[in-house]
């Protein structure tokens, strides 16, 4: 693994840790389960990225002793991460349905908008830096990391739209739908 990959993976790992801590703090502050879920989802993604990083490091350090080529483990890591992320989505959907049945929960939408803006800017900056460095390295590993951060940017935009809509709806006769 080259210097560029190491640099980008470290940026991604540190960025994810910062994002997780920020998300957990704001999720708790705003009482927003979606922000907390996003932080936990990022934490799981961090674990998966770390496992991928370790697998690549082990194989790169001992490639001659490794009986198969290093790309034979990629599908296993992808399957493992996909199963974990699918499980997280199922748990989230179940929790959301139970929350809706129970009548929803109050969310501090104004603070949630602040979280969304700050998180979106941070995520977009990390994504930009990873893509810029990735173009130099032409690495599939960096491309994979950039896709994860792009998903973070897209999710951030959707969160921001949702929280802004919540702020607008709370001032109308449809305010009961903002719970």
Foldseek 3Di string as FASTA:
>chain_A
DDPLVVVLLVLLLVLLVVQLVLLCVLCVVFVPPVSNLVSVLSVLVSVLLVVVVVLVVVCVVPVVPDPDHSCVCVVVSVVVSVVVNVVSVVVVVVVVVVCVVVQHDGGPLVSQLVSLVVQLVSLVVSLVVLVVSCVVVVDPSSVVSSVVSVVSNVVSVVSNVLSVVLVVCCPDPNNSVSD
